């Protein structure tokens, strides 16, 4: 039975990748994923370059998330007026505009 990486727990895949990448090559990790029934998002078997791409993207994403960005405030504001309420009150003579 094959599992799609979209439908499985991505934590378990990440955990196994973290464990495997310390002791094995990308090809061996791909073999492990294939033996355990994991398929790529497109439903194909993993290859070493697929695993390399996943690890590289994770590394870049983590680096981006750890970066501290300066706080930027905008002076943009938006005023929302419910026209039905204004029209109803104005028609009754209670809310002169």
N, C-alpha and C. Protein backbone atom coordinates (compact mmCIF):
# COMPACT_ATOMS: atom_id res chain seq x y z
N UNK A 1 0.84 -1.18 0.00
CA UNK A 1 0.00 0.00 0.00
C UNK A 1 0.88 1.23 0.00
N UNK A 2 0.62 2.15 -0.91
CA UNK A 2 1.42 3.36 -1.03
C UNK A 2 0.69 4.53 -0.38
N UNK A 3 1.47 5.42 0.19
CA UNK A 3 0.93 6.60 0.84
C UNK A 3 1.35 7.82 0.05
N UNK A 4 0.47 8.75 -0.09
CA UNK A 4 0.83 10.03 -0.69
C UNK A 4 1.37 10.93 0.40
N UNK A 5 2.38 11.73 0.08
CA UNK A 5 2.95 12.61 1.11
C UNK A 5 1.97 13.70 1.52
N UNK A 6 0.97 13.97 0.68
CA UNK A 6 -0.02 14.96 1.06
C UNK A 6 -0.97 14.42 2.13
N UNK A 7 -1.25 13.13 2.09
CA UNK A 7 -2.25 12.56 2.98
C UNK A 7 -1.67 11.98 4.26
N UNK A 8 -0.37 11.89 4.37
CA UNK A 8 0.23 11.29 5.55
C UNK A 8 0.70 12.36 6.50
N UNK A 9 1.09 11.91 7.66
CA UNK A 9 1.58 12.82 8.67
C UNK A 9 2.96 13.31 8.27
N UNK A 10 3.07 14.59 7.92
CA UNK A 10 4.34 15.11 7.44
C UNK A 10 5.38 15.14 8.56
N UNK A 11 4.92 15.13 9.80
CA UNK A 11 5.85 15.10 10.92
C UNK A 11 6.69 13.84 10.90
N UNK A 12 6.05 12.69 10.63
CA UNK A 12 6.78 11.43 10.62
C UNK A 12 7.80 11.40 9.48
N UNK A 13 7.44 11.98 8.35
CA UNK A 13 8.38 12.04 7.22
C UNK A 13 9.56 12.93 7.59
N UNK A 14 9.27 14.10 8.17
CA UNK A 14 10.34 15.02 8.57
C UNK A 14 11.24 14.37 9.60
N UNK A 15 10.62 13.68 10.55
CA UNK A 15 11.39 13.03 11.61
C UNK A 15 12.32 11.97 11.02
N UNK A 16 11.81 11.18 10.11
CA UNK A 16 12.66 10.15 9.50
C UNK A 16 13.73 10.78 8.62
N UNK A 17 13.39 11.88 7.94
CA UNK A 17 14.40 12.57 7.13
C UNK A 17 15.51 13.13 8.00
N UNK A 18 15.14 13.72 9.14
CA UNK A 18 16.16 14.26 10.04
C UNK A 18 17.08 13.16 10.54
N UNK A 19 16.51 12.03 10.87
CA UNK A 19 17.30 10.90 11.36
C UNK A 19 18.18 10.35 10.25
N UNK A 20 17.57 10.17 9.09
CA UNK A 20 18.27 9.54 7.98
C UNK A 20 19.35 10.43 7.38
N UNK A 21 19.12 11.73 7.32
CA UNK A 21 20.08 12.59 6.63
C UNK A 21 21.41 12.67 7.35
N UNK A 22 21.42 12.36 8.65
CA UNK A 22 22.66 12.38 9.40
C UNK A 22 23.54 11.18 9.08
N UNK A 23 22.93 10.06 8.75
CA UNK A 23 23.69 8.84 8.58
C UNK A 23 23.67 8.28 7.17
N UNK A 24 22.87 8.83 6.27
CA UNK A 24 22.73 8.22 4.95
C UNK A 24 22.74 9.25 3.84
N UNK A 25 22.88 8.76 2.63
CA UNK A 25 22.85 9.62 1.46
C UNK A 25 21.39 9.85 1.05
N UNK A 26 21.20 10.78 0.13
CA UNK A 26 19.86 11.06 -0.35
C UNK A 26 19.26 9.86 -1.07
N UNK A 27 20.09 9.11 -1.77
CA UNK A 27 19.59 7.92 -2.46
C UNK A 27 19.09 6.87 -1.47
N UNK A 28 19.79 6.71 -0.37
CA UNK A 28 19.34 5.74 0.64
C UNK A 28 18.04 6.20 1.30
N UNK A 29 17.93 7.49 1.53
CA UNK A 29 16.68 8.01 2.11
C UNK A 29 15.53 7.77 1.12
N UNK A 30 15.78 8.00 -0.16
CA UNK A 30 14.75 7.75 -1.19
C UNK A 30 14.36 6.27 -1.19
N UNK A 31 15.34 5.40 -1.08
CA UNK A 31 15.04 3.97 -1.02
C UNK A 31 14.17 3.64 0.19
N UNK A 32 14.51 4.23 1.33
CA UNK A 32 13.73 3.98 2.55
C UNK A 32 12.28 4.46 2.37
N UNK A 33 12.10 5.65 1.80
CA UNK A 33 10.75 6.17 1.58
C UNK A 33 9.98 5.25 0.63
N UNK A 34 10.64 4.79 -0.42
CA UNK A 34 9.98 3.90 -1.38
C UNK A 34 9.62 2.56 -0.75
N UNK A 35 10.52 2.01 0.06
CA UNK A 35 10.26 0.73 0.72
C UNK A 35 9.09 0.82 1.70
N UNK A 36 8.93 2.00 2.32
CA UNK A 36 7.85 2.18 3.29
C UNK A 36 6.57 2.70 2.66
N UNK A 37 6.53 2.72 1.33
CA UNK A 37 5.28 3.00 0.64
C UNK A 37 4.95 4.46 0.43
N UNK A 38 5.91 5.36 0.62
CA UNK A 38 5.63 6.77 0.39
C UNK A 38 5.80 7.10 -1.08
N UNK A 39 4.94 7.97 -1.57
CA UNK A 39 5.02 8.44 -2.94
C UNK A 39 5.17 9.96 -2.94
N UNK A 40 5.71 10.48 -4.01
CA UNK A 40 5.82 11.93 -4.13
C UNK A 40 4.42 12.53 -4.29
N UNK A 41 4.35 13.84 -4.32
CA UNK A 41 3.07 14.52 -4.46
C UNK A 41 2.41 14.14 -5.79
N UNK A 42 3.22 13.87 -6.79
CA UNK A 42 2.70 13.49 -8.10
C UNK A 42 2.45 11.98 -8.23
N UNK A 43 2.61 11.25 -7.12
CA UNK A 43 2.31 9.83 -7.11
C UNK A 43 3.41 8.93 -7.64
N UNK A 44 4.64 9.45 -7.69
CA UNK A 44 5.75 8.65 -8.20
C UNK A 44 6.69 8.27 -7.07
N UNK A 45 7.60 7.35 -7.37
CA UNK A 45 8.59 6.95 -6.37
C UNK A 45 9.63 8.05 -6.20
N UNK A 46 10.22 8.08 -5.01
CA UNK A 46 11.25 9.07 -4.71
C UNK A 46 12.57 8.68 -5.34
N UNK A 47 13.34 9.71 -5.68
CA UNK A 47 14.73 9.54 -6.11
C UNK A 47 15.58 10.46 -5.23
N UNK A 48 16.87 10.27 -5.29
CA UNK A 48 17.77 11.03 -4.43
C UNK A 48 17.65 12.54 -4.62
N UNK A 49 17.45 12.98 -5.87
CA UNK A 49 17.34 14.42 -6.10
C UNK A 49 16.04 14.98 -5.53
N UNK A 50 14.98 14.15 -5.45
CA UNK A 50 13.75 14.61 -4.81
C UNK A 50 13.97 14.88 -3.33
N UNK A 51 14.67 13.97 -2.68
CA UNK A 51 14.96 14.12 -1.26
C UNK A 51 15.85 15.33 -1.03
N UNK A 52 16.84 15.51 -1.89
CA UNK A 52 17.73 16.67 -1.78
C UNK A 52 16.92 17.96 -1.88
N UNK A 53 16.00 18.02 -2.80
CA UNK A 53 15.16 19.20 -2.99
C UNK A 53 14.31 19.48 -1.75
N UNK A 54 13.73 18.43 -1.16
CA UNK A 54 12.90 18.58 0.04
C UNK A 54 13.74 19.13 1.20
N UNK A 55 14.93 18.56 1.39
CA UNK A 55 15.80 18.99 2.48
C UNK A 55 16.26 20.42 2.26
N UNK A 56 16.60 20.75 1.02
CA UNK A 56 17.06 22.11 0.70
C UNK A 56 15.95 23.14 0.96
N UNK A 57 14.73 22.83 0.51
CA UNK A 57 13.61 23.76 0.71
C UNK A 57 13.30 23.92 2.20
N UNK A 58 13.40 22.83 2.96
CA UNK A 58 13.16 22.92 4.41
C UNK A 58 14.20 23.80 5.06
N UNK A 59 15.45 23.64 4.67
CA UNK A 59 16.54 24.44 5.23
C UNK A 59 16.31 25.93 4.94
N UNK A 60 15.94 26.25 3.71
CA UNK A 60 15.68 27.64 3.33
C UNK A 60 14.48 28.22 4.08
N UNK A 61 13.44 27.41 4.22
CA UNK A 61 12.24 27.86 4.92
C UNK A 61 12.54 28.13 6.39
N UNK A 62 13.29 27.22 7.04
CA UNK A 62 13.65 27.41 8.44
C UNK A 62 14.48 28.67 8.63
N UNK A 63 15.41 28.89 7.71
CA UNK A 63 16.27 30.08 7.78
C UNK A 63 15.43 31.35 7.67
N UNK A 64 14.45 31.33 6.77
CA UNK A 64 13.59 32.48 6.57
C UNK A 64 12.70 32.74 7.79
N UNK A 65 12.20 31.66 8.41
CA UNK A 65 11.32 31.81 9.56
C UNK A 65 12.08 32.26 10.81
N UNK A 66 13.36 31.92 10.90
CA UNK A 66 14.15 32.32 12.07
C UNK A 66 14.61 33.77 12.00
N UNK A 67 14.61 34.34 10.80
CA UNK A 67 15.07 35.71 10.62
C UNK A 67 14.12 36.69 11.30
N UNK A 68 14.69 37.68 11.96
CA UNK A 68 13.88 38.70 12.61
C UNK A 68 13.69 39.87 11.64
N UNK A 69 12.46 40.26 11.45
CA UNK A 69 12.15 41.35 10.55
C UNK A 69 11.75 42.58 11.36
N UNK A 70 12.11 43.78 10.90
CA UNK A 70 11.73 45.00 11.63
C UNK A 70 10.22 45.22 11.53
N UNK A 71 9.68 45.81 12.57
CA UNK A 71 8.26 46.08 12.61
C UNK A 71 7.97 47.29 11.73
N UNK A 72 6.99 47.17 10.85
CA UNK A 72 6.62 48.26 9.96
C UNK A 72 5.14 48.54 10.14
N UNK A 73 4.84 49.79 10.45
CA UNK A 73 3.45 50.21 10.64
C UNK A 73 3.00 51.02 9.45
N UNK A 74 1.79 50.82 9.05
CA UNK A 74 1.21 51.55 7.93
C UNK A 74 0.22 52.56 8.49
N UNK A 75 0.06 53.69 7.80
CA UNK A 75 -0.94 54.67 8.23
C UNK A 75 -2.23 54.51 7.44
N UNK A 76 -2.40 53.35 6.83
CA UNK A 76 -3.61 53.04 6.08
C UNK A 76 -4.76 52.78 7.04
N UNK A 77 -5.91 53.33 6.74
CA UNK A 77 -7.09 53.03 7.54
C UNK A 77 -8.29 52.86 6.60
N UNK A 78 -9.27 52.18 7.09
CA UNK A 78 -10.43 51.88 6.28
C UNK A 78 -11.67 52.11 7.15
N UNK A 79 -12.59 52.88 6.63
CA UNK A 79 -13.82 53.14 7.35
C UNK A 79 -14.96 52.44 6.62
N UNK A 80 -15.67 51.61 7.35
CA UNK A 80 -16.77 50.87 6.76
C UNK A 80 -18.07 51.40 7.35
N UNK A 81 -19.00 51.74 6.47
CA UNK A 81 -20.30 52.26 6.90
C UNK A 81 -21.37 51.36 6.29
N UNK A 82 -22.26 50.88 7.15
CA UNK A 82 -23.37 50.08 6.67
C UNK A 82 -24.43 51.02 6.12
N UNK A 83 -24.52 51.10 4.79
CA UNK A 83 -25.44 52.05 4.13
C UNK A 83 -26.90 51.72 4.42
N UNK A 84 -27.23 50.47 4.66
CA UNK A 84 -28.62 50.13 4.94
C UNK A 84 -29.06 50.75 6.26
N UNK A 85 -28.19 50.76 7.24
CA UNK A 85 -28.50 51.36 8.53
C UNK A 85 -28.67 52.88 8.38
N UNK A 86 -27.77 53.51 7.66
CA UNK A 86 -27.84 54.97 7.45
C UNK A 86 -29.11 55.31 6.70
N UNK A 87 -29.45 54.56 5.66
CA UNK A 87 -30.66 54.85 4.88
C UNK A 87 -31.91 54.65 5.71
N UNK A 88 -31.98 53.59 6.53
CA UNK A 88 -33.16 53.34 7.36
C UNK A 88 -33.35 54.45 8.38
N UNK A 89 -32.29 54.88 9.02
CA UNK A 89 -32.41 55.93 10.02
C UNK A 89 -32.75 57.27 9.36
N UNK A 90 -32.18 57.53 8.20
CA UNK A 90 -32.44 58.77 7.50
C UNK A 90 -33.88 58.83 7.00
N UNK A 91 -34.43 57.71 6.55
CA UNK A 91 -35.81 57.68 6.07
C UNK A 91 -36.81 57.93 7.20
N UNK A 92 -36.47 57.58 8.41
CA UNK A 92 -37.36 57.79 9.55
C UNK A 92 -37.21 59.20 10.12
N UNK A 93 -36.24 59.94 9.63
CA UNK A 93 -36.04 61.32 10.11
C UNK A 93 -35.24 61.39 11.39
N UNK A 94 -34.62 60.31 11.81
CA UNK A 94 -33.89 60.31 13.06
C UNK A 94 -32.41 60.59 12.89
N UNK A 95 -31.90 60.47 11.70
CA UNK A 95 -30.48 60.60 11.51
C UNK A 95 -30.22 61.56 10.36
N UNK A 96 -30.23 62.84 10.62
CA UNK A 96 -30.02 63.81 9.53
C UNK A 96 -28.56 63.75 9.02
N UNK A 97 -28.45 63.78 7.71
CA UNK A 97 -27.11 63.78 7.11
C UNK A 97 -26.84 65.12 6.50
